Amino acid sequence: MNLEKYGPWALIAGGSEGVGAEFATQLAEQGFDLVLLARKDGPLQETAQVARSAGVEVRTLSIDLLDSNAGERIAEFTSGLEIGLFIYNAGANTYGHEFVTGDLDRFLAVIDLNITIQLKLVQHFGSLMRARRRGGIILVGSLSGYLGSAQISVYSAVKSFCRTFAEGLWLEMKDHNVDVLELVLGLTRTPAMDRAGLKMDAPGLKVSEPRDVAAQGLAELANGPVVVVRGWEDAVERNSGHNRAELMLEARDAARKLLPPPSE
């Protein structure tokens, strides 16, 4: 990573565990000072301590990105810091349910986490990068954004939005020496996936490791607007096909094999 272009500070939203923690560790090893944001303070402090062992400065903010004043608090917390790299790794799916029988407020929270606050933060830090004529933005995307899925229809939709947004942002920022990348993840071995009860050890299942994912994202930042994590390129091509009904039914059957058995 080019510290002169993307430093001296990197901010990671969702920087406490999994891929976010790997971003933090690898950036610290390359000399970046860090601002780490996450909701859970315990894992946040653990990751911060690991990063500090590399000799860099690390500031942490335990914050719920769905709070109405989250954008303002983050802007104030980082005031005076030159954030040269902004990574948004906080767009997990927080609610899976059939849409018409689900809780609309919880669906709206999925939209707010993946779109509303992300746009606020990208505009804030992106405008500062544009004025300095240097910087980088990484938005962590998902293979889910290429195909509609039952139970996560809203999440799939917001991930599709985010990819298209990243492409437009890339066009707008490229002439201002600011790189934009959406890094598209497939199934990745993270604590969040473990908590969801997914069968990550199923025979023949393809699973990415957080360290590899973060390393590729940092290495590919200048090669946007969209990069797919290695091993998932064929899945993206397949899920972009024209026979949408067949593709969605096949994906539904495959997803059922990953889920824990329903409780009695």
Protein backbone atom coordinates (compact mmCIF):
# COMPACT_ATOMS: atom_id res chain seq x y z
CA MET A 1 0.00 0.00 0.00
CA ASN A 2 1.15 3.50 -0.87
CA LEU A 3 1.29 5.30 2.49
CA GLU A 4 1.95 8.63 0.80
CA LYS A 5 -1.22 8.36 -1.30
CA TYR A 6 -3.54 6.53 1.09
CA GLY A 7 -2.22 7.62 4.49
CA PRO A 8 -1.39 8.65 7.05
CA TRP A 9 -4.69 7.51 8.62
CA ALA A 10 -7.00 4.70 7.56
CA LEU A 11 -10.53 4.44 8.94
CA ILE A 12 -12.27 1.06 9.07
CA ALA A 13 -15.98 0.94 9.82
CA GLY A 14 -16.61 -2.58 11.07
CA GLY A 15 -12.99 -2.95 12.12
CA SER A 16 -13.27 -5.23 15.12
CA GLU A 17 -13.33 -8.81 13.77
CA GLY A 18 -13.20 -10.96 10.67
CA VAL A 19 -12.20 -9.18 7.48
CA GLY A 20 -12.25 -5.79 9.23
CA ALA A 21 -9.74 -6.95 11.83
CA GLU A 22 -7.51 -8.27 9.06
CA PHE A 23 -7.66 -4.94 7.27
CA ALA A 24 -6.56 -3.30 10.52
CA THR A 25 -3.70 -5.71 11.18
CA GLN A 26 -2.33 -5.58 7.65
CA LEU A 27 -2.55 -1.81 7.40
CA ALA A 28 -0.82 -1.42 10.77
CA GLU A 29 1.99 -3.68 9.55
CA GLN A 30 2.40 -1.28 6.62
CA GLY A 31 2.64 1.78 8.86
CA PHE A 32 -0.88 3.21 8.70
CA ASP A 33 -2.33 4.89 11.77
CA LEU A 34 -5.87 3.64 12.32
CA VAL A 35 -9.33 4.72 13.34
CA LEU A 36 -11.45 1.65 14.11
CA LEU A 37 -15.23 1.78 14.44
CA ALA A 38 -17.46 -1.03 15.68
CA ARG A 39 -20.47 -1.61 17.88
CA LYS A 40 -18.92 -4.15 20.27
CA ASP A 41 -16.20 -2.58 22.37
CA GLY A 42 -14.56 -5.84 23.52
CA PRO A 43 -13.50 -7.17 20.10
CA LEU A 44 -12.74 -3.58 19.03
CA GLN A 45 -10.17 -3.14 21.80
CA GLU A 46 -8.63 -6.55 21.10
CA THR A 47 -8.06 -5.68 17.45
CA ALA A 48 -6.74 -2.25 18.39
CA GLN A 49 -4.19 -3.81 20.73
CA VAL A 50 -2.94 -6.15 18.02
CA ALA A 51 -2.57 -3.22 15.61
CA ARG A 52 -0.73 -1.10 18.20
CA SER A 53 1.86 -3.84 18.56
CA ALA A 54 3.04 -2.83 15.08
CA GLY A 55 3.98 0.59 16.47
CA VAL A 56 1.18 2.68 14.98
CA GLU A 57 -1.38 4.94 16.61
CA VAL A 58 -4.87 3.48 16.89
CA ARG A 59 -8.01 5.34 17.94
CA THR A 60 -11.25 3.49 18.58
CA LEU A 61 -14.87 4.52 18.69
CA SER A 62 -17.52 2.10 19.90
CA ILE A 63 -20.60 3.21 18.00
CA ASP A 64 -23.82 1.85 16.56
CA LEU A 65 -23.87 3.04 12.96
CA LEU A 66 -27.66 2.98 13.05
CA ASP A 67 -27.77 5.76 15.65
CA SER A 68 -29.29 8.90 14.15
CA ASN A 69 -26.21 10.98 14.96
CA ALA A 70 -23.58 8.40 13.98
CA GLY A 71 -22.34 10.34 10.97
CA GLU A 72 -21.90 13.53 12.99
CA ARG A 73 -20.13 11.70 15.83
CA ILE A 74 -17.68 10.05 13.44
CA ALA A 75 -16.96 13.33 11.66
CA GLU A 76 -16.26 15.01 15.00
CA PHE A 77 -14.14 12.09 16.25
CA THR A 78 -11.91 12.26 13.16
CA SER A 79 -11.74 16.04 12.92
CA GLY A 80 -8.16 17.09 12.25
CA LEU A 81 -7.04 13.67 11.03
CA GLU A 82 -6.07 13.11 7.41
CA ILE A 83 -8.08 10.01 6.57
CA GLY A 84 -6.48 8.87 3.34
CA LEU A 85 -8.16 5.46 3.24
CA PHE A 86 -11.80 4.78 4.11
CA ILE A 87 -13.00 1.18 4.35
CA TYR A 88 -16.68 0.40 4.87
CA ASN A 89 -16.90 -3.16 6.13
CA ALA A 90 -20.05 -2.79 8.24
CA GLY A 91 -22.79 -3.85 5.83
CA ALA A 92 -23.78 -7.21 7.25
CA ASN A 93 -27.29 -8.57 6.96
CA THR A 94 -28.99 -7.91 10.28
CA TYR A 95 -32.39 -9.40 9.46
CA GLY A 96 -33.45 -12.34 7.33
CA HIS A 97 -37.17 -12.93 6.80
CA GLU A 98 -39.81 -13.29 4.12
CA PHE A 99 -40.49 -9.70 3.15
CA VAL A 100 -44.29 -9.41 3.20
CA THR A 101 -44.59 -11.04 6.65
CA GLY A 102 -41.50 -9.43 8.13
CA ASP A 103 -40.87 -6.43 10.35
CA LEU A 104 -40.60 -3.40 8.07
CA ASP A 105 -38.55 -1.40 10.56
CA ARG A 106 -35.93 -4.13 10.68
CA PHE A 107 -35.78 -4.22 6.88
CA LEU A 108 -35.31 -0.45 6.89
CA ALA A 109 -32.41 -0.91 9.31
CA VAL A 110 -30.72 -3.18 6.75
CA ILE A 111 -31.11 -0.38 4.21
CA ASP A 112 -29.79 2.25 6.62
CA LEU A 113 -26.71 0.20 7.57
CA ASN A 114 -25.82 -0.69 4.00
CA ILE A 115 -26.86 2.50 2.20
CA THR A 116 -27.78 5.52 4.31
CA ILE A 117 -24.84 5.73 6.73
CA GLN A 118 -22.43 4.42 4.11
CA LEU A 119 -23.39 7.26 1.77
CA LYS A 120 -23.00 9.83 4.56
CA LEU A 121 -19.52 8.63 5.43
CA VAL A 122 -18.37 8.25 1.83
CA GLN A 123 -19.50 11.78 1.05
CA HIS A 124 -17.77 13.20 4.14
CA PHE A 125 -14.41 11.48 3.76
CA GLY A 126 -14.56 11.39 -0.04
CA SER A 127 -14.99 15.15 -0.29
CA LEU A 128 -11.88 15.67 1.84
CA MET A 129 -9.91 13.23 -0.32
CA ARG A 130 -11.10 14.97 -3.46
CA ALA A 131 -9.92 18.33 -2.11
CA ARG A 132 -6.49 16.85 -1.25
CA ARG A 133 -6.39 15.01 -4.60
CA ARG A 134 -5.36 11.71 -3.06
CA GLY A 135 -6.91 8.82 -1.22
CA GLY A 136 -8.77 5.55 -1.51
CA ILE A 137 -12.19 4.11 -0.69
CA ILE A 138 -12.96 0.40 -0.27
CA LEU A 139 -16.57 -0.70 0.00
CA VAL A 140 -17.00 -4.34 0.99
CA GLY A 141 -19.67 -5.93 -1.16
CA SER A 142 -21.25 -9.34 -1.46
CA LEU A 143 -21.96 -12.01 -4.02
CA SER A 144 -25.54 -11.70 -2.74
CA GLY A 145 -25.83 -8.50 -4.76
CA TYR A 146 -25.83 -10.40 -8.04
CA LEU A 147 -28.95 -12.48 -7.43
CA GLY A 148 -32.23 -12.04 -5.59
CA SER A 149 -32.65 -14.45 -2.69
CA ALA A 150 -35.54 -15.52 -0.48
CA GLN A 151 -35.33 -14.42 3.17
CA ILE A 152 -32.62 -11.87 2.31
CA SER A 153 -34.33 -10.05 -0.54
CA VAL A 154 -33.65 -6.61 0.95
CA TYR A 155 -30.02 -7.41 1.73
CA SER A 156 -29.43 -8.68 -1.82
CA ALA A 157 -31.03 -5.51 -3.18
CA VAL A 158 -28.91 -3.14 -1.12
CA LYS A 159 -25.73 -4.97 -2.10
CA SER A 160 -26.71 -4.58 -5.74
CA PHE A 161 -27.21 -0.86 -5.14
CA CYS A 162 -23.82 -0.55 -3.45
CA ARG A 163 -21.98 -2.13 -6.36
CA THR A 164 -23.59 0.20 -8.89
CA PHE A 165 -22.92 3.16 -6.59
CA ALA A 166 -19.25 2.18 -6.36
CA GLU A 167 -18.98 2.12 -10.14
CA GLY A 168 -20.41 5.63 -10.47
CA LEU A 169 -18.25 6.92 -7.61
CA TRP A 170 -15.18 5.43 -9.26
CA LEU A 171 -15.93 7.42 -12.42
CA GLU A 172 -16.43 10.64 -10.48
CA MET A 173 -13.29 10.30 -8.36
CA LYS A 174 -10.75 8.88 -10.80
CA ASP A 175 -9.81 12.30 -12.22
CA HIS A 176 -9.15 13.55 -8.69
CA ASN A 177 -6.56 10.85 -7.89
CA VAL A 178 -8.91 9.02 -5.49
CA ASP A 179 -9.26 5.27 -6.03
CA VAL A 180 -12.59 3.53 -5.42
CA LEU A 181 -13.06 -0.22 -5.14
CA GLU A 182 -15.93 -2.48 -4.28
CA LEU A 183 -14.52 -5.78 -3.06
CA VAL A 184 -17.09 -8.53 -3.67
CA LEU A 185 -16.99 -11.30 -1.07
CA GLY A 186 -18.34 -14.80 -1.33
CA LEU A 187 -18.79 -17.06 1.69
CA THR A 188 -16.08 -16.04 4.18
CA ARG A 189 -15.06 -17.63 7.47
CA THR A 190 -15.93 -14.86 9.92
CA PRO A 191 -17.31 -14.77 13.48
CA ALA A 192 -20.57 -13.37 12.08
CA MET A 193 -21.00 -16.45 9.90
CA ASP A 194 -20.26 -18.69 12.88
CA ARG A 195 -22.90 -16.90 14.95
CA ALA A 196 -25.40 -17.41 12.13
CA GLY A 197 -24.85 -21.16 12.46
CA LEU A 198 -23.78 -21.72 8.87
CA LYS A 199 -22.26 -25.12 8.14
CA MET A 200 -18.83 -23.85 7.14
CA ASP A 201 -17.27 -27.33 7.28
CA ALA A 202 -19.59 -28.96 4.73
CA PRO A 203 -17.66 -31.26 2.34
CA GLY A 204 -16.59 -29.51 -0.84
CA LEU A 205 -17.76 -26.10 0.37
CA LYS A 206 -15.76 -23.14 -0.89
CA VAL A 207 -14.91 -20.70 1.91
CA SER A 208 -12.61 -17.67 1.80
CA GLU A 209 -10.31 -16.77 4.69
CA PRO A 210 -10.43 -13.20 6.09
CA ARG A 211 -6.67 -12.66 5.82
CA ASP A 212 -6.66 -13.53 2.11
CA VAL A 213 -9.72 -11.36 1.44
CA ALA A 214 -8.24 -8.29 3.16
CA ALA A 215 -4.88 -8.73 1.45
CA GLN A 216 -6.50 -8.87 -1.97
CA GLY A 217 -8.63 -5.81 -1.27
CA LEU A 218 -5.63 -3.71 -0.27
CA ALA A 219 -3.56 -4.96 -3.21
CA GLU A 220 -6.33 -4.31 -5.74
CA LEU A 221 -7.44 -0.86 -4.57
CA ALA A 222 -6.10 0.86 -7.68
CA ASN A 223 -7.81 -1.68 -9.95
CA GLY A 224 -11.47 -0.74 -9.34
CA PRO A 225 -14.26 -0.19 -9.66
CA VAL A 226 -15.18 -3.81 -8.78
CA VAL A 227 -12.96 -6.75 -7.88
CA VAL A 228 -14.29 -10.18 -6.95
CA VAL A 229 -12.47 -12.18 -4.27
CA ARG A 230 -10.43 -14.98 -5.83
CA GLY A 231 -12.32 -18.21 -6.31
CA TRP A 232 -15.71 -16.55 -6.73
CA GLU A 233 -15.35 -15.16 -10.25
CA ASP A 234 -17.26 -18.05 -11.84
CA ALA A 235 -20.12 -17.61 -9.37
CA VAL A 236 -20.43 -13.93 -10.30
CA GLU A 237 -20.48 -14.77 -13.99
CA ARG A 238 -23.09 -17.48 -13.46
CA ASN A 239 -25.30 -15.30 -11.27
CA SER A 240 -25.23 -12.55 -13.88
CA GLY A 241 -26.89 -14.82 -16.43
CA HIS A 242 -30.26 -14.25 -18.06
CA ASN A 243 -32.24 -17.26 -16.83
CA ARG A 244 -33.10 -15.58 -13.54
CA ALA A 245 -35.78 -18.01 -12.34
CA GLU A 246 -33.56 -21.06 -12.77
CA LEU A 247 -30.59 -19.36 -11.15
CA MET A 248 -32.57 -18.25 -8.11
CA LEU A 249 -34.12 -21.66 -7.55
CA GLU A 250 -30.70 -23.33 -7.76
CA ALA A 251 -29.23 -20.79 -5.34
CA ARG A 252 -32.10 -21.32 -2.90
CA ASP A 253 -31.50 -25.08 -2.84
CA ALA A 254 -27.77 -24.58 -2.31
CA ALA A 255 -28.36 -22.08 0.51
CA ARG A 256 -30.60 -24.50 2.38
CA LYS A 257 -27.67 -26.91 2.69
CA LEU A 258 -25.67 -24.27 4.58
CA LEU A 259 -28.34 -23.39 7.11
CA PRO A 260 -28.72 -25.10 10.47
CA PRO A 261 -31.73 -27.44 10.73
CA PRO A 262 -34.91 -25.71 11.88
CA SER A 263 -35.64 -25.97 15.60
CA GLU A 264 -38.45 -28.26 16.60
